[in-house]
PDB file of N, CA and C in Angstrom:
ATOM      1  N   UNK A   1     -35.894 -57.741 105.964  1.00  0.00           N
ATOM      2  CA  UNK A   1     -34.826 -58.692 106.089  1.00  0.00           C
ATOM      3  C   UNK A   1     -34.127 -58.449 107.428  1.00  0.00           C
ATOM      4  N   UNK A   2     -33.919 -59.508 108.160  1.00  0.00           N
ATOM      5  CA  UNK A   2     -33.245 -59.394 109.447  1.00  0.00           C
ATOM      6  C   UNK A   2     -31.760 -59.632 109.288  1.00  0.00           C
ATOM      7  N   UNK A   3     -31.013 -58.988 110.132  1.00  0.00           N
ATOM      8  CA  UNK A   3     -29.564 -59.196 110.153  1.00  0.00           C
ATOM      9  C   UNK A   3     -29.174 -59.453 111.608  1.00  0.00           C
ATOM     10  N   UNK A   4     -28.403 -60.476 111.803  1.00  0.00           N
ATOM     11  CA  UNK A   4     -27.940 -60.819 113.147  1.00  0.00           C
ATOM     12  C   UNK A   4     -26.425 -60.684 113.162  1.00  0.00           C
ATOM     13  N   UNK A   5     -25.956 -59.793 113.990  1.00  0.00           N
ATOM     14  CA  UNK A   5     -24.515 -59.564 114.111  1.00  0.00           C
ATOM     15  C   UNK A   5     -24.111 -59.996 115.502  1.00  0.00           C
ATOM     16  N   UNK A   6     -23.149 -60.896 115.546  1.00  0.00           N
ATOM     17  CA  UNK A   6     -22.712 -61.420 116.830  1.00  0.00           C
ATOM     18  C   UNK A   6     -21.287 -60.970 117.113  1.00  0.00           C
ATOM     19  N   UNK A   7     -20.990 -60.829 118.362  1.00  0.00           N
ATOM     20  CA  UNK A   7     -19.630 -60.508 118.775  1.00  0.00           C
ATOM     21  C   UNK A   7     -19.625 -59.495 119.894  1.00  0.00           C
ATOM     22  N   UNK A   8     -18.844 -59.817 120.908  1.00  0.00           N
ATOM     23  CA  UNK A   8     -18.768 -58.921 122.066  1.00  0.00           C
ATOM     24  C   UNK A   8     -18.181 -57.567 121.701  1.00  0.00           C
ATOM     25  N   UNK A   9     -17.177 -57.563 120.819  1.00  0.00           N
ATOM     26  CA  UNK A   9     -16.546 -56.301 120.424  1.00  0.00           C
ATOM     27  C   UNK A   9     -17.526 -55.419 119.670  1.00  0.00           C
ATOM     28  N   UNK A  10     -18.307 -56.020 118.798  1.00  0.00           N
ATOM     29  CA  UNK A  10     -19.302 -55.257 118.027  1.00  0.00           C
ATOM     30  C   UNK A  10     -20.352 -54.675 118.963  1.00  0.00           C
ATOM     31  N   UNK A  11     -20.802 -55.480 119.904  1.00  0.00           N
ATOM     32  CA  UNK A  11     -21.798 -54.993 120.848  1.00  0.00           C
ATOM     33  C   UNK A  11     -21.222 -53.855 121.690  1.00  0.00           C
ATOM     34  N   UNK A  12     -19.984 -53.989 122.104  1.00  0.00           N
ATOM     35  CA  UNK A  12     -19.340 -52.932 122.893  1.00  0.00           C
ATOM     36  C   UNK A  12     -19.230 -51.645 122.079  1.00  0.00           C
ATOM     37  N   UNK A  13     -18.878 -51.771 120.801  1.00  0.00           N
ATOM     38  CA  UNK A  13     -18.798 -50.591 119.933  1.00  0.00           C
ATOM     39  C   UNK A  13     -20.177 -49.942 119.787  1.00  0.00           C
ATOM     40  N   UNK A  14     -21.186 -50.765 119.646  1.00  0.00           N
ATOM     41  CA  UNK A  14     -22.548 -50.239 119.495  1.00  0.00           C
ATOM     42  C   UNK A  14     -23.019 -49.540 120.763  1.00  0.00           C
ATOM     43  N   UNK A  15     -22.720 -50.139 121.908  1.00  0.00           N
ATOM     44  CA  UNK A  15     -23.077 -49.513 123.183  1.00  0.00           C
ATOM     45  C   UNK A  15     -22.350 -48.170 123.332  1.00  0.00           C
ATOM     46  N   UNK A  16     -21.085 -48.149 122.954  1.00  0.00           N
ATOM     47  CA  UNK A  16     -20.297 -46.920 123.031  1.00  0.00           C
ATOM     48  C   UNK A  16     -20.868 -45.846 122.096  1.00  0.00           C
ATOM     49  N   UNK A  17     -21.207 -46.266 120.858  1.00  0.00           N
ATOM     50  CA  UNK A  17     -21.794 -45.338 119.891  1.00  0.00           C
ATOM     51  C   UNK A  17     -23.102 -44.759 120.433  1.00  0.00           C
ATOM     52  N   UNK A  18     -23.940 -45.627 120.981  1.00  0.00           N
ATOM     53  CA  UNK A  18     -25.218 -45.166 121.539  1.00  0.00           C
ATOM     54  C   UNK A  18     -24.994 -44.175 122.685  1.00  0.00           C
ATOM     55  N   UNK A  19     -24.025 -44.447 123.523  1.00  0.00           N
ATOM     56  CA  UNK A  19     -23.731 -43.544 124.636  1.00  0.00           C
ATOM     57  C   UNK A  19     -23.254 -42.189 124.127  1.00  0.00           C
ATOM     58  N   UNK A  20     -22.469 -42.198 123.063  1.00  0.00           N
ATOM     59  CA  UNK A  20     -21.915 -40.955 122.528  1.00  0.00           C
ATOM     60  C   UNK A  20     -22.954 -40.146 121.768  1.00  0.00           C
ATOM     61  N   UNK A  21     -23.916 -40.825 121.145  1.00  0.00           N
ATOM     62  CA  UNK A  21     -24.908 -40.127 120.332  1.00  0.00           C
ATOM     63  C   UNK A  21     -26.233 -39.911 121.047  1.00  0.00           C
ATOM     64  N   UNK A  22     -26.429 -40.608 122.158  1.00  0.00           N
ATOM     65  CA  UNK A  22     -27.703 -40.499 122.865  1.00  0.00           C
ATOM     66  C   UNK A  22     -28.784 -41.389 122.272  1.00  0.00           C
ATOM     67  N   UNK A  23     -28.420 -42.192 121.310  1.00  0.00           N
ATOM     68  CA  UNK A  23     -29.380 -43.103 120.667  1.00  0.00           C
ATOM     69  C   UNK A  23     -29.702 -44.239 121.626  1.00  0.00           C
ATOM     70  N   UNK A  24     -30.983 -44.585 121.720  1.00  0.00           N
ATOM     71  CA  UNK A  24     -31.391 -45.670 122.617  1.00  0.00           C
ATOM     72  C   UNK A  24     -31.791 -46.930 121.853  1.00  0.00           C
ATOM     73  N   UNK A  25     -32.058 -46.782 120.580  1.00  0.00           N
ATOM     74  CA  UNK A  25     -32.450 -47.925 119.748  1.00  0.00           C
ATOM     75  C   UNK A  25     -31.227 -48.398 118.957  1.00  0.00           C
ATOM     76  N   UNK A  26     -30.794 -49.623 119.217  1.00  0.00           N
ATOM     77  CA  UNK A  26     -29.575 -50.119 118.573  1.00  0.00           C
ATOM     78  C   UNK A  26     -29.711 -50.237 117.062  1.00  0.00           C
ATOM     79  N   UNK A  27     -30.876 -50.641 116.594  1.00  0.00           N
ATOM     80  CA  UNK A  27     -31.089 -50.748 115.142  1.00  0.00           C
ATOM     81  C   UNK A  27     -30.980 -49.378 114.484  1.00  0.00           C
ATOM     82  N   UNK A  28     -31.575 -48.392 115.113  1.00  0.00           N
ATOM     83  CA  UNK A  28     -31.504 -47.032 114.582  1.00  0.00           C
ATOM     84  C   UNK A  28     -30.075 -46.504 114.640  1.00  0.00           C
ATOM     85  N   UNK A  29     -29.354 -46.860 115.689  1.00  0.00           N
ATOM     86  CA  UNK A  29     -27.949 -46.444 115.814  1.00  0.00           C
ATOM     87  C   UNK A  29     -27.117 -47.025 114.679  1.00  0.00           C
ATOM     88  N   UNK A  30     -27.339 -48.282 114.349  1.00  0.00           N
ATOM     89  CA  UNK A  30     -26.612 -48.921 113.243  1.00  0.00           C
ATOM     90  C   UNK A  30     -26.976 -48.231 111.936  1.00  0.00           C
ATOM     91  N   UNK A  31     -28.258 -47.951 111.725  1.00  0.00           N
ATOM     92  CA  UNK A  31     -28.696 -47.266 110.504  1.00  0.00           C
ATOM     93  C   UNK A  31     -28.022 -45.910 110.381  1.00  0.00           C
ATOM     94  N   UNK A  32     -28.023 -45.139 111.464  1.00  0.00           N
ATOM     95  CA  UNK A  32     -27.426 -43.812 111.452  1.00  0.00           C
ATOM     96  C   UNK A  32     -25.913 -43.876 111.182  1.00  0.00           C
ATOM     97  N   UNK A  33     -25.246 -44.824 111.835  1.00  0.00           N
ATOM     98  CA  UNK A  33     -23.800 -44.950 111.650  1.00  0.00           C
ATOM     99  C   UNK A  33     -23.465 -45.334 110.222  1.00  0.00           C
ATOM    100  N   UNK A  34     -24.225 -46.251 109.651  1.00  0.00           N
ATOM    101  CA  UNK A  34     -23.986 -46.649 108.262  1.00  0.00           C
ATOM    102  C   UNK A  34     -24.258 -45.504 107.295  1.00  0.00           C
ATOM    103  N   UNK A  35     -25.338 -44.775 107.516  1.00  0.00           N
ATOM    104  CA  UNK A  35     -25.643 -43.640 106.647  1.00  0.00           C
ATOM    105  C   UNK A  35     -24.571 -42.568 106.740  1.00  0.00           C
ATOM    106  N   UNK A  36     -24.090 -42.299 107.938  1.00  0.00           N
ATOM    107  CA  UNK A  36     -23.044 -41.293 108.113  1.00  0.00           C
ATOM    108  C   UNK A  36     -21.777 -41.719 107.373  1.00  0.00           C
ATOM    109  N   UNK A  37     -21.427 -42.989 107.461  1.00  0.00           N
ATOM    110  CA  UNK A  37     -20.230 -43.470 106.777  1.00  0.00           C
ATOM    111  C   UNK A  37     -20.405 -43.440 105.255  1.00  0.00           C
ATOM    112  N   UNK A  38     -21.575 -43.841 104.780  1.00  0.00           N
ATOM    113  CA  UNK A  38     -21.861 -43.805 103.339  1.00  0.00           C
ATOM    114  C   UNK A  38     -21.797 -42.367 102.821  1.00  0.00           C
ATOM    115  N   UNK A  39     -22.370 -41.436 103.568  1.00  0.00           N
ATOM    116  CA  UNK A  39     -22.330 -40.024 103.168  1.00  0.00           C
ATOM    117  C   UNK A  39     -20.904 -39.493 103.150  1.00  0.00           C
ATOM    118  N   UNK A  40     -20.118 -39.863 104.152  1.00  0.00           N
ATOM    119  CA  UNK A  40     -18.720 -39.403 104.202  1.00  0.00           C
ATOM    120  C   UNK A  40     -17.923 -39.957 103.026  1.00  0.00           C
ATOM    121  N   UNK A  41     -18.112 -41.215 102.712  1.00  0.00           N
ATOM    122  CA  UNK A  41     -17.392 -41.818 101.597  1.00  0.00           C
ATOM    123  C   UNK A  41     -17.844 -41.244 100.258  1.00  0.00           C
ATOM    124  N   UNK A  42     -19.121 -40.953 100.141  1.00  0.00           N
ATOM    125  CA  UNK A  42     -19.655 -40.389  98.898  1.00  0.00           C
ATOM    126  C   UNK A  42     -19.155 -38.968  98.672  1.00  0.00           C
ATOM    127  N   UNK A  43     -18.883 -38.248  99.749  1.00  0.00           N
ATOM    128  CA  UNK A  43     -18.457 -36.850  99.642  1.00  0.00           C
ATOM    129  C   UNK A  43     -16.984 -36.716  99.298  1.00  0.00           C
ATOM    130  N   UNK A  44     -16.235 -37.799  99.426  1.00  0.00           N
ATOM    131  CA  UNK A  44     -14.800 -37.721  99.134  1.00  0.00           C
ATOM    132  C   UNK A  44     -14.572 -37.527  97.645  1.00  0.00           C
ATOM    133  N   UNK A  45     -13.563 -36.731  97.345  1.00  0.00           N
ATOM    134  CA  UNK A  45     -13.191 -36.515  95.950  1.00  0.00           C
ATOM    135  C   UNK A  45     -12.472 -37.756  95.413  1.00  0.00           C
ATOM    136  N   UNK A  46     -12.681 -38.018  94.163  1.00  0.00           N
ATOM    137  CA  UNK A  46     -11.988 -39.147  93.556  1.00  0.00           C
ATOM    138  C   UNK A  46     -10.520 -38.805  93.385  1.00  0.00           C
ATOM    139  N   UNK A  47      -9.701 -39.827  93.231  1.00  0.00           N
ATOM    140  CA  UNK A  47      -8.274 -39.617  93.031  1.00  0.00           C
ATOM    141  C   UNK A  47      -8.030 -38.790  91.781  1.00  0.00           C
ATOM    142  N   UNK A  48      -8.760 -39.076  90.712  1.00  0.00           N
ATOM    143  CA  UNK A  48      -8.540 -38.326  89.479  1.00  0.00           C
ATOM    144  C   UNK A  48      -8.873 -36.842  89.655  1.00  0.00           C
ATOM    145  N   UNK A  49      -9.883 -36.523  90.440  1.00  0.00           N
ATOM    146  CA  UNK A  49     -10.224 -35.117  90.703  1.00  0.00           C
ATOM    147  C   UNK A  49      -9.120 -34.454  91.503  1.00  0.00           C
ATOM    148  N   UNK A  50      -8.614 -35.148  92.546  1.00  0.00           N
ATOM    149  CA  UNK A  50      -7.532 -34.579  93.357  1.00  0.00           C
ATOM    150  C   UNK A  50      -6.273 -34.366  92.530  1.00  0.00           C
ATOM    151  N   UNK A  51      -5.928 -35.361  91.686  1.00  0.00           N
ATOM    152  CA  UNK A  51      -4.742 -35.240  90.838  1.00  0.00           C
ATOM    153  C   UNK A  51      -4.925 -34.086  89.855  1.00  0.00           C
ATOM    154  N   UNK A  52      -6.120 -33.963  89.307  1.00  0.00           N
ATOM    155  CA  UNK A  52      -6.406 -32.864  88.373  1.00  0.00           C
ATOM    156  C   UNK A  52      -6.188 -31.507  89.012  1.00  0.00           C
ATOM    157  N   UNK A  53      -6.567 -31.361  90.278  1.00  0.00           N
ATOM    158  CA  UNK A  53      -6.368 -30.098  90.978  1.00  0.00           C
ATOM    159  C   UNK A  53      -4.886 -29.799  91.169  1.00  0.00           C
ATOM    160  N   UNK A  54      -4.123 -30.828  91.513  1.00  0.00           N
ATOM    161  CA  UNK A  54      -2.676 -30.649  91.675  1.00  0.00           C
ATOM    162  C   UNK A  54      -2.046 -30.275  90.344  1.00  0.00           C
ATOM    163  N   UNK A  55      -2.464 -30.931  89.278  1.00  0.00           N
ATOM    164  CA  UNK A  55      -1.927 -30.617  87.956  1.00  0.00           C
ATOM    165  C   UNK A  55      -2.278 -29.184  87.554  1.00  0.00           C
ATOM    166  N   UNK A  56      -3.490 -28.755  87.852  1.00  0.00           N
ATOM    167  CA  UNK A  56      -3.901 -27.384  87.515  1.00  0.00           C
ATOM    168  C   UNK A  56      -3.070 -26.369  88.290  1.00  0.00           C
ATOM    169  N   UNK A  57      -2.807 -26.631  89.571  1.00  0.00           N
ATOM    170  CA  UNK A  57      -1.974 -25.729  90.371  1.00  0.00           C
ATOM    171  C   UNK A  57      -0.560 -25.687  89.821  1.00  0.00           C
ATOM    172  N   UNK A  58      -0.032 -26.843  89.436  1.00  0.00           N
ATOM    173  CA  UNK A  58       1.335 -26.897  88.891  1.00  0.00           C
ATOM    174  C   UNK A  58       1.403 -26.113  87.582  1.00  0.00           C
ATOM    175  N   UNK A  59       0.395 -26.272  86.739  1.00  0.00           N
ATOM    176  CA  UNK A  59       0.369 -25.551  85.465  1.00  0.00           C
ATOM    177  C   UNK A  59       0.282 -24.040  85.709  1.00  0.00           C
ATOM    178  N   UNK A  60      -0.531 -23.645  86.673  1.00  0.00           N
ATOM    179  CA  UNK A  60      -0.681 -22.219  86.986  1.00  0.00           C
ATOM    180  C   UNK A  60       0.615 -21.635  87.545  1.00  0.00           C
ATOM    181  N   UNK A  61       1.414 -22.482  88.198  1.00  0.00           N
ATOM    182  CA  UNK A  61       2.683 -22.030  88.746  1.00  0.00           C
ATOM    183  C   UNK A  61       3.795 -22.047  87.706  1.00  0.00           C
ATOM    184  N   UNK A  62       3.477 -22.526  86.505  1.00  0.00           N
ATOM    185  CA  UNK A  62       4.449 -22.525  85.427  1.00  0.00           C
ATOM    186  C   UNK A  62       5.236 -23.810  85.264  1.00  0.00           C
ATOM    187  N   UNK A  63       4.843 -24.858  85.988  1.00  0.00           N
ATOM    188  CA  UNK A  63       5.544 -26.131  85.852  1.00  0.00           C
ATOM    189  C   UNK A  63       5.193 -26.757  84.507  1.00  0.00           C
ATOM    190  N   UNK A  64       6.224 -27.150  83.783  1.00  0.00           N
ATOM    191  CA  UNK A  64       6.019 -27.829  82.512  1.00  0.00           C
ATOM    192  C   UNK A  64       6.796 -29.126  82.561  1.00  0.00           C
ATOM    193  N   UNK A  65       6.103 -30.224  82.386  1.00  0.00           N
ATOM    194  CA  UNK A  65       6.753 -31.522  82.398  1.00  0.00           C
ATOM    195  C   UNK A  65       7.572 -31.711  81.129  1.00  0.00           C
ATOM    196  N   UNK A  66       8.807 -32.133  81.319  1.00  0.00           N
ATOM    197  CA  UNK A  66       9.678 -32.406  80.171  1.00  0.00           C
ATOM    198  C   UNK A  66       9.583 -33.857  79.743  1.00  0.00           C
ATOM    199  N   UNK A  67       8.919 -34.657  80.541  1.00  0.00           N
ATOM    200  CA  UNK A  67       8.826 -36.089  80.266  1.00  0.00           C
ATOM    201  C   UNK A  67      10.072 -36.833  80.715  1.00  0.00           C
ATOM    202  N   UNK A  68      11.001 -36.107  81.311  1.00  0.00           N
ATOM    203  CA  UNK A  68      12.266 -36.688  81.766  1.00  0.00           C
ATOM    204  C   UNK A  68      12.024 -37.627  82.947  1.00  0.00           C
ATOM    205  N   UNK A  69      12.775 -38.715  82.985  1.00  0.00           N
ATOM    206  CA  UNK A  69      12.697 -39.657  84.109  1.00  0.00           C
ATOM    207  C   UNK A  69      13.365 -39.009  85.312  1.00  0.00           C
ATOM    208  N   UNK A  70      12.593 -38.754  86.363  1.00  0.00           N
ATOM    209  CA  UNK A  70      13.120 -38.078  87.539  1.00  0.00           C
ATOM    210  C   UNK A  70      13.602 -39.031  88.623  1.00  0.00           C
ATOM    211  N   UNK A  71      13.482 -40.328  88.390  1.00  0.00           N
ATOM    212  CA  UNK A  71      13.912 -41.293  89.389  1.00  0.00           C
ATOM    213  C   UNK A  71      15.378 -41.108  89.783  1.00  0.00           C
ATOM    214  N   UNK A  72      16.314 -40.973  88.842  1.00  0.00           N
ATOM    215  CA  UNK A  72      17.703 -40.768  89.247  1.00  0.00           C
ATOM    216  C   UNK A  72      17.889 -39.537  90.142  1.00  0.00           C
ATOM    217  N   UNK A  73      17.162 -38.462  89.847  1.00  0.00           N
ATOM    218  CA  UNK A  73      17.236 -37.244  90.663  1.00  0.00           C
ATOM    219  C   UNK A  73      16.760 -37.523  92.089  1.00  0.00           C
ATOM    220  N   UNK A  74      15.603 -38.181  92.213  1.00  0.00           N
ATOM    221  CA  UNK A  74      15.071 -38.452  93.544  1.00  0.00           C
ATOM    222  C   UNK A  74      15.929 -39.479  94.290  1.00  0.00           C
ATOM    223  N   UNK A  75      16.474 -40.443  93.573  1.00  0.00           N
ATOM    224  CA  UNK A  75      17.390 -41.413  94.214  1.00  0.00           C
ATOM    225  C   UNK A  75      18.588 -40.676  94.796  1.00  0.00           C
ATOM    226  N   UNK A  76      19.120 -39.715  94.052  1.00  0.00           N
ATOM    227  CA  UNK A  76      20.275 -38.945  94.540  1.00  0.00           C
ATOM    228  C   UNK A  76      19.890 -38.122  95.763  1.00  0.00           C
ATOM    229  N   UNK A  77      18.704 -37.525  95.750  1.00  0.00           N
ATOM    230  CA  UNK A  77      18.244 -36.715  96.874  1.00  0.00           C
ATOM    231  C   UNK A  77      18.110 -37.557  98.145  1.00  0.00           C
ATOM    232  N   UNK A  78      17.707 -38.812  97.994  1.00  0.00           N
ATOM    233  CA  UNK A  78      17.541 -39.707  99.125  1.00  0.00           C
ATOM    234  C   UNK A  78      18.818 -40.473  99.449  1.00  0.00           C
ATOM    235  N   UNK A  79      19.887 -40.195  98.712  1.00  0.00           N
ATOM    236  CA  UNK A  79      21.144 -40.888  98.963  1.00  0.00           C
ATOM    237  C   UNK A  79      21.109 -42.345  98.561  1.00  0.00           C
ATOM    238  N   UNK A  80      20.314 -42.652  97.555  1.00  0.00           N
ATOM    239  CA  UNK A  80      20.160 -44.035  97.107  1.00  0.00           C
ATOM    240  C   UNK A  80      20.793 -44.273  95.755  1.00  0.00           C
ATOM    241  N   UNK A  81      21.796 -43.492  95.381  1.00  0.00           N
ATOM    242  CA  UNK A  81      22.392 -43.684  94.063  1.00  0.00           C
ATOM    243  C   UNK A  81      23.556 -44.629  94.109  1.00  0.00           C
TER     244      UNK A  81
END
């Protein structure tokens, strides 16, 4: 399947990418750039994993949630009461 991408800015970005990577084949440069981005996005931790780590650290530090609404406290801290 062929893909045709038009645009001076896109071509300039591709030329710049090729210059930075030493790639001479534009199609291969696009393939490499897409694979690198896909790999980077796949390697990112999900939000739930990151939140779980924060919760585990808080629990290890002895933080216990009371279920109390903390908005009034934070509003006061920011001078928004």
